[in-house]
Amino acid sequence: MFLQPQLSNKALSELCHRLAVETDSGIDIRRTWQRETDMAHGRPKQYFQSIRDAINRGDSLSAALAGTGSLFPSLFREMTDVGEHTGTLGRVFRRLELHYRRQVQAQRLFLGAIAWPMFELAFSILVVGALIWILGIVAQRNNGQPIDILGFGLVGTRGLIIYINFIAAVGLCIAGIVIAVKRGMLWTRPLQRAVMRLPVIGNALQRIALARLAWALHLTLNVEMDLRRIIPLALRTTGTDYYIQHTDQIVNDVVHGDPIHVAFSHAGVFPGEFVDALAVAEESGRIVESMERLSNRYEEEAELAIKTLSTAFGWFVGLCVMGIIVLLIFRLAGFYLGTINDALKMTR
């Protein structure tokens, strides 16, 4: 699962747009997926071929998607199943298109905000690597003692190789954790819960998750569908185990006759404003419309949350750069003062 390809949000948005247009136009689904297969390239092409072949055999689209592993997010697969069973597939694809388009905009906003801090960090890492190599080479040519600017014995060409390997290993670990969290792997769940409890960052991530939850409730509560299926599906759209872990408790409360807002309040992790909005929506009998308004409001807050995350990340990277600079200053100053002390001892 970890090594399987996964479509980007941009590719998903474009795919949902084409599927929505062709579904609403009444085009045969076999022709639709034949065209998508012809357009696909790279590793995803074989998965599109399997979807096409399954549909040609008479399987439903949701059944065909089930055999594609993690190529499509669980939200896409499950909402496709909902659309097929309720006859609202075209509408589902249009809502998914909007959802993934917003995800693309959020990614661009985040990446744009952290571009300069990341450049500073990369530049500082390159400077450290250059100093490790240059100071080691200079010491060798002058038959002097090399300057170990990091204090780990990394000097010269050998030190540079070790340094590069270490930086590459750290980068790969961070990328692996990000991918694992995005794909919802089991071992990342404690990490997801811990991050959601962090000040500032946790609040921002909660806003993003609640926007997805409200949107999913608006979409699913508008169709004839069992609440025992709606609630797990809606909670999974949040993408974090901070909320997903309460699925069984919420479903059990609803099955035993509790209103939806009471079941959510028993979880103890949803903010009061969210629970109150659910309560008002249920009491007024306009829960679908209320969830749409709540979703739009949380989407606006999610944009502010992404800016907050970008700022926090920028400060974190800035502190890392500052730490590297301070380390270099102290190490070089220590070496300089040590040289002076050695010279003074020799003159005595």
Protein backbone atom coordinates (compact mmCIF):
# COMPACT_ATOMS: atom_id res chain seq x y z
CA MET A 1 0.00 0.00 0.00
CA PHE A 2 2.85 2.38 0.87
CA LEU A 3 4.49 2.01 -2.53
CA GLN A 4 1.29 2.12 -4.57
CA PRO A 5 0.69 5.25 -6.65
CA GLN A 6 -2.00 7.69 -5.56
CA LEU A 7 -3.67 10.30 -7.72
CA SER A 8 -2.95 13.91 -6.78
CA ASN A 9 -5.73 16.27 -5.75
CA LYS A 10 -5.38 18.09 -9.08
CA ALA A 11 -5.76 14.86 -11.05
CA LEU A 12 -8.76 13.87 -8.91
CA SER A 13 -10.40 17.26 -9.44
CA GLU A 14 -10.00 17.01 -13.22
CA LEU A 15 -11.22 13.39 -13.23
CA CYS A 16 -14.30 14.25 -11.16
CA HIS A 17 -15.12 17.11 -13.53
CA ARG A 18 -15.02 14.84 -16.57
CA LEU A 19 -17.00 12.09 -14.81
CA ALA A 20 -19.66 14.58 -13.66
CA VAL A 21 -20.12 15.99 -17.17
CA GLU A 22 -20.30 12.59 -18.84
CA THR A 23 -22.57 11.11 -16.16
CA ASP A 24 -25.02 14.01 -16.41
CA SER A 25 -24.87 13.75 -20.21
CA GLY A 26 -25.93 10.09 -20.10
CA ILE A 27 -22.78 8.79 -21.78
CA ASP A 28 -22.27 5.04 -21.42
CA ILE A 29 -19.97 4.38 -18.49
CA ARG A 30 -18.01 1.87 -20.59
CA ARG A 31 -17.13 4.59 -23.08
CA THR A 32 -16.24 6.95 -20.25
CA TRP A 33 -13.71 4.62 -18.68
CA GLN A 34 -12.32 3.54 -22.05
CA ARG A 35 -11.56 7.20 -22.68
CA GLU A 36 -10.05 7.61 -19.21
CA THR A 37 -7.88 4.55 -19.78
CA ASP A 38 -6.64 5.93 -23.10
CA MET A 39 -5.77 9.24 -21.40
CA ALA A 40 -3.99 7.64 -18.43
CA HIS A 41 -0.22 7.25 -18.41
CA GLY A 42 2.47 5.90 -16.12
CA ARG A 43 1.76 3.48 -13.29
CA PRO A 44 -1.92 4.52 -12.83
CA LYS A 45 -2.72 3.31 -16.36
CA GLN A 46 -2.83 -0.35 -15.33
CA TYR A 47 -5.34 0.49 -12.60
CA PHE A 48 -7.54 2.38 -15.06
CA GLN A 49 -7.38 -0.64 -17.33
CA SER A 50 -8.59 -2.87 -14.49
CA ILE A 51 -11.51 -0.48 -13.86
CA ARG A 52 -12.42 -0.54 -17.55
CA ASP A 53 -12.24 -4.34 -17.70
CA ALA A 54 -14.35 -4.73 -14.53
CA ILE A 55 -17.04 -2.41 -15.88
CA ASN A 56 -17.06 -4.25 -19.21
CA ARG A 57 -17.71 -7.46 -17.26
CA GLY A 58 -20.77 -5.85 -15.70
CA ASP A 59 -19.35 -4.84 -12.31
CA SER A 60 -20.44 -1.60 -10.68
CA LEU A 61 -18.05 1.34 -10.63
CA SER A 62 -17.63 1.13 -6.84
CA ALA A 63 -16.75 -2.58 -7.13
CA ALA A 64 -14.24 -1.79 -9.87
CA LEU A 65 -12.64 0.94 -7.74
CA ALA A 66 -12.29 -1.46 -4.81
CA GLY A 67 -9.59 -3.35 -6.72
CA THR A 68 -7.35 -0.33 -7.25
CA GLY A 69 -5.73 -0.28 -3.81
CA SER A 70 -4.83 3.21 -2.64
CA LEU A 71 -4.86 4.85 -6.10
CA PHE A 72 -8.11 6.61 -5.19
CA PRO A 73 -8.70 8.05 -1.69
CA SER A 74 -11.27 6.26 0.47
CA LEU A 75 -13.55 9.32 0.25
CA PHE A 76 -13.68 9.01 -3.55
CA ARG A 77 -14.41 5.27 -3.46
CA GLU A 78 -17.06 5.42 -0.76
CA MET A 79 -18.88 8.46 -2.12
CA THR A 80 -18.96 6.79 -5.54
CA ASP A 81 -20.68 3.84 -3.88
CA VAL A 82 -23.18 6.23 -2.25
CA GLY A 83 -23.85 7.92 -5.58
CA GLU A 84 -24.50 4.62 -7.34
CA HIS A 85 -26.93 3.39 -4.68
CA THR A 86 -28.83 6.67 -4.52
CA GLY A 87 -28.83 7.62 -8.21
CA THR A 88 -26.92 10.85 -7.52
CA LEU A 89 -23.58 9.91 -9.06
CA GLY A 90 -23.30 13.05 -11.19
CA ARG A 91 -24.00 15.27 -8.18
CA VAL A 92 -21.50 13.35 -6.08
CA PHE A 93 -18.77 13.85 -8.68
CA ARG A 94 -19.49 17.58 -8.82
CA ARG A 95 -19.19 17.86 -5.05
CA LEU A 96 -15.98 15.81 -5.11
CA GLU A 97 -14.61 18.04 -7.84
CA LEU A 98 -15.20 21.10 -5.64
CA HIS A 99 -13.67 19.32 -2.65
CA TYR A 100 -10.46 18.36 -4.46
CA ARG A 101 -10.21 21.76 -6.13
CA ARG A 102 -10.24 23.36 -2.68
CA GLN A 103 -7.58 20.90 -1.60
CA VAL A 104 -5.41 22.02 -4.53
CA GLN A 105 -5.89 25.68 -3.59
CA ALA A 106 -5.00 24.90 0.02
CA GLN A 107 -1.83 23.08 -1.05
CA ARG A 108 -0.76 25.99 -3.26
CA LEU A 109 -1.38 28.45 -0.44
CA PHE A 110 0.65 26.38 2.00
CA LEU A 111 3.54 25.72 -0.37
CA GLY A 112 3.66 29.36 -1.40
CA ALA A 113 3.87 30.46 2.23
CA ILE A 114 6.69 28.07 3.14
CA ALA A 115 8.72 28.46 -0.06
CA TRP A 116 11.09 31.12 1.29
CA PRO A 117 11.68 29.48 4.72
CA MET A 118 12.41 26.19 2.96
CA PHE A 119 14.88 27.96 0.65
CA GLU A 120 16.63 29.43 3.69
CA LEU A 121 16.81 26.00 5.34
CA ALA A 122 18.17 24.36 2.17
CA PHE A 123 20.74 27.12 1.75
CA SER A 124 21.93 26.81 5.35
CA ILE A 125 22.25 23.02 4.98
CA LEU A 126 24.33 23.55 1.82
CA VAL A 127 26.55 26.08 3.61
CA VAL A 128 27.22 23.62 6.44
CA GLY A 129 28.11 20.90 3.92
CA ALA A 130 30.42 23.25 2.04
CA LEU A 131 32.20 24.28 5.27
CA ILE A 132 32.68 20.64 6.30
CA TRP A 133 34.42 19.89 3.03
CA ILE A 134 36.38 23.16 2.56
CA LEU A 135 37.73 23.40 6.13
CA GLY A 136 38.80 19.76 5.98
CA ILE A 137 40.61 20.23 2.67
CA VAL A 138 42.32 23.44 3.86
CA ALA A 139 43.55 21.72 7.02
CA GLN A 140 44.96 18.82 5.02
CA ARG A 141 46.90 21.10 2.67
CA ASN A 142 48.32 23.15 5.55
CA ASN A 143 49.03 20.07 7.67
CA GLY A 144 46.88 21.61 10.39
CA GLN A 145 44.08 20.44 12.66
CA PRO A 146 40.73 20.36 10.80
CA ILE A 147 37.85 22.40 12.19
CA ASP A 148 34.95 20.13 13.22
CA ILE A 149 32.15 22.71 13.00
CA LEU A 150 29.42 20.26 14.09
CA GLY A 151 31.37 18.46 16.78
CA PHE A 152 30.65 14.99 15.39
CA GLY A 153 33.95 14.34 13.66
CA LEU A 154 32.60 15.28 10.21
CA VAL A 155 35.48 16.83 8.29
CA GLY A 156 36.71 16.73 4.72
CA THR A 157 35.33 14.58 1.92
CA ARG A 158 34.47 11.64 4.18
CA GLY A 159 32.62 13.92 6.58
CA LEU A 160 30.70 15.50 3.69
CA ILE A 161 29.56 12.08 2.44
CA ILE A 162 28.32 11.11 5.92
CA TYR A 163 26.59 14.48 6.28
CA ILE A 164 24.82 14.14 2.92
CA ASN A 165 23.66 10.62 3.74
CA PHE A 166 22.31 11.77 7.10
CA ILE A 167 20.37 14.69 5.57
CA ALA A 168 18.97 12.37 2.87
CA ALA A 169 17.89 9.82 5.49
CA VAL A 170 16.12 12.50 7.56
CA GLY A 171 14.37 13.82 4.44
CA LEU A 172 13.21 10.34 3.44
CA CYS A 173 11.90 9.65 6.97
CA ILE A 174 9.90 12.88 7.02
CA ALA A 175 8.49 12.18 3.53
CA GLY A 176 7.60 8.63 4.59
CA ILE A 177 5.74 9.84 7.69
CA VAL A 178 3.81 12.42 5.66
CA ILE A 179 2.77 9.81 3.08
CA ALA A 180 1.83 7.31 5.79
CA VAL A 181 -0.32 9.87 7.62
CA LYS A 182 -1.98 10.89 4.37
CA ARG A 183 -2.85 7.27 3.59
CA GLY A 184 -4.09 6.61 7.12
CA MET A 185 -1.72 3.78 8.04
CA LEU A 186 -2.42 2.24 11.44
CA TRP A 187 0.94 3.02 13.04
CA THR A 188 0.45 6.75 12.46
CA ARG A 189 -2.75 6.98 14.53
CA PRO A 190 -1.07 7.84 17.87
CA LEU A 191 0.92 10.51 16.03
CA GLN A 192 -2.28 11.97 14.52
CA ARG A 193 -3.91 12.19 17.96
CA ALA A 194 -0.85 13.83 19.49
CA VAL A 195 -0.54 16.46 16.75
CA MET A 196 -4.22 17.42 17.07
CA ARG A 197 -3.62 18.30 20.75
CA LEU A 198 -0.79 20.73 20.02
CA PRO A 199 -1.54 24.43 20.59
CA VAL A 200 -2.15 26.53 17.46
CA ILE A 201 -1.28 23.71 15.04
CA GLY A 202 -3.85 21.34 16.54
CA ASN A 203 -6.60 23.95 16.41
CA ALA A 204 -5.83 24.70 12.77
CA LEU A 205 -5.91 21.01 11.84
CA GLN A 206 -9.20 20.58 13.71
CA ARG A 207 -10.80 23.36 11.62
CA ILE A 208 -9.71 21.66 8.42
CA ALA A 209 -11.05 18.28 9.61
CA LEU A 210 -14.38 19.76 10.76
CA ALA A 211 -14.85 21.42 7.36
CA ARG A 212 -14.57 18.00 5.73
CA LEU A 213 -16.88 16.43 8.31
CA ALA A 214 -19.62 19.04 7.84
CA TRP A 215 -19.34 18.71 4.07
CA ALA A 216 -19.61 14.91 4.23
CA LEU A 217 -22.65 15.11 6.54
CA HIS A 218 -24.34 17.56 4.17
CA LEU A 219 -23.76 15.25 1.23
CA THR A 220 -24.69 11.96 2.88
CA LEU A 221 -27.65 13.12 4.94
CA ASN A 222 -29.25 14.34 1.73
CA VAL A 223 -29.71 10.76 0.46
CA GLU A 224 -31.53 7.69 1.67
CA MET A 225 -28.76 6.06 3.64
CA ASP A 226 -28.49 4.30 7.00
CA LEU A 227 -26.95 6.42 9.75
CA ARG A 228 -24.83 3.43 10.73
CA ARG A 229 -23.05 3.89 7.43
CA ILE A 230 -23.24 7.68 7.20
CA ILE A 231 -21.44 8.37 10.47
CA PRO A 232 -18.37 6.16 9.83
CA LEU A 233 -18.08 7.52 6.30
CA ALA A 234 -18.35 11.13 7.46
CA LEU A 235 -15.79 10.64 10.23
CA ARG A 236 -13.32 8.99 7.84
CA THR A 237 -13.39 12.10 5.65
CA THR A 238 -11.67 14.03 8.45
CA GLY A 239 -8.51 12.05 7.72
CA THR A 240 -7.43 11.92 11.36
CA ASP A 241 -7.82 9.24 14.01
CA TYR A 242 -8.46 12.01 16.54
CA TYR A 243 -12.10 11.86 15.38
CA ILE A 244 -12.26 8.46 13.69
CA GLN A 245 -11.50 6.60 16.93
CA HIS A 246 -14.94 7.63 18.29
CA THR A 247 -16.87 6.04 15.42
CA ASP A 248 -18.14 2.99 17.34
CA GLN A 249 -19.28 5.06 20.31
CA ILE A 250 -21.20 7.55 18.16
CA VAL A 251 -22.82 4.81 16.08
CA ASN A 252 -23.85 2.89 19.21
CA ASP A 253 -25.40 6.00 20.76
CA VAL A 254 -27.41 6.69 17.61
CA VAL A 255 -28.54 3.06 17.38
CA HIS A 256 -29.78 3.27 20.98
CA GLY A 257 -31.94 6.28 20.14
CA ASP A 258 -29.76 9.30 20.94
CA PRO A 259 -29.99 12.28 18.56
CA ILE A 260 -26.94 12.82 16.36
CA HIS A 261 -25.77 15.91 18.26
CA VAL A 262 -25.96 14.07 21.60
CA ALA A 263 -23.93 11.17 20.21
CA PHE A 264 -21.28 13.57 18.94
CA SER A 265 -21.20 15.46 22.26
CA HIS A 266 -20.54 12.20 24.17
CA ALA A 267 -17.29 11.79 22.21
CA GLY A 268 -15.89 14.84 24.01
CA VAL A 269 -13.65 15.96 21.15
CA PHE A 270 -16.00 18.05 19.02
CA PRO A 271 -16.20 21.79 19.79
CA GLY A 272 -19.36 23.13 21.38
CA GLU A 273 -20.20 25.28 18.36
CA PHE A 274 -20.21 22.21 16.12
CA VAL A 275 -22.46 20.24 18.48
CA ASP A 276 -24.77 23.25 18.92
CA ALA A 277 -25.08 23.63 15.15
CA LEU A 278 -26.02 19.95 14.89
CA ALA A 279 -28.61 20.36 17.67
CA VAL A 280 -30.27 23.37 16.05
CA ALA A 281 -30.24 21.62 12.66
CA GLU A 282 -31.90 18.49 14.06
CA GLU A 283 -34.52 20.42 16.01
CA SER A 284 -35.44 22.54 12.98
CA GLY A 285 -35.53 19.55 10.64
CA ARG A 286 -33.15 21.30 8.22
CA ILE A 287 -29.97 19.39 8.97
CA VAL A 288 -28.88 19.08 5.32
CA GLU A 289 -29.08 22.82 4.68
CA SER A 290 -27.51 23.61 8.04
CA MET A 291 -24.58 21.28 7.36
CA GLU A 292 -24.00 22.99 4.01
CA ARG A 293 -23.84 26.41 5.70
CA LEU A 294 -21.63 25.01 8.46
CA SER A 295 -19.38 23.41 5.85
CA ASN A 296 -18.99 26.72 4.00
CA ARG A 297 -18.15 28.50 7.24
CA TYR A 298 -15.59 25.91 8.24
CA GLU A 299 -14.10 26.06 4.74
CA GLU A 300 -13.43 29.77 5.28
CA GLU A 301 -11.96 29.02 8.69
CA ALA A 302 -9.91 26.22 7.14
CA GLU A 303 -8.28 28.73 4.78
CA LEU A 304 -7.29 30.85 7.78
CA ALA A 305 -6.11 27.67 9.51
CA ILE A 306 -3.85 26.85 6.56
CA LYS A 307 -2.33 30.33 6.80
CA THR A 308 -1.78 29.70 10.51
CA LEU A 309 -0.09 26.38 9.76
CA SER A 310 2.07 28.04 7.12
CA THR A 311 3.11 30.75 9.57
CA ALA A 312 3.86 28.21 12.31
CA PHE A 313 5.90 26.08 9.92
CA GLY A 314 7.72 29.16 8.69
CA TRP A 315 8.67 30.09 12.26
CA PHE A 316 9.81 26.52 12.91
CA VAL A 317 12.03 26.51 9.83
CA GLY A 318 13.31 29.96 10.76
CA LEU A 319 14.27 28.71 14.22
CA CYS A 320 16.06 25.76 12.61
CA VAL A 321 18.05 28.12 10.38
CA MET A 322 18.83 30.38 13.34
CA GLY A 323 19.96 27.36 15.34
CA ILE A 324 22.31 26.29 12.55
CA ILE A 325 23.78 29.79 12.31
CA VAL A 326 24.26 30.07 16.08
CA LEU A 327 25.90 26.64 16.15
CA LEU A 328 28.33 27.66 13.42
CA ILE A 329 29.16 30.92 15.17
CA PHE A 330 29.87 29.24 18.49
CA ARG A 331 31.87 26.39 16.94
CA LEU A 332 34.03 28.75 14.86
CA ALA A 333 34.41 31.16 17.77
CA GLY A 334 35.39 28.27 20.04
CA PHE A 335 38.00 27.10 17.54
CA TYR A 336 39.36 30.66 17.17
CA LEU A 337 39.59 31.24 20.92
CA GLY A 338 41.17 27.83 21.39
CA THR A 339 43.83 28.70 18.83
CA ILE A 340 44.60 31.99 20.63
CA ASN A 341 44.84 30.25 23.99
CA ASP A 342 47.22 27.66 22.54
CA ALA A 343 49.37 30.45 21.08
CA LEU A 344 49.46 32.30 24.42
CA LYS A 345 50.52 29.12 26.26
CA MET A 346 53.35 28.59 23.80
CA THR A 347 54.70 32.12 24.36
CA ARG A 348 54.85 31.67 28.15
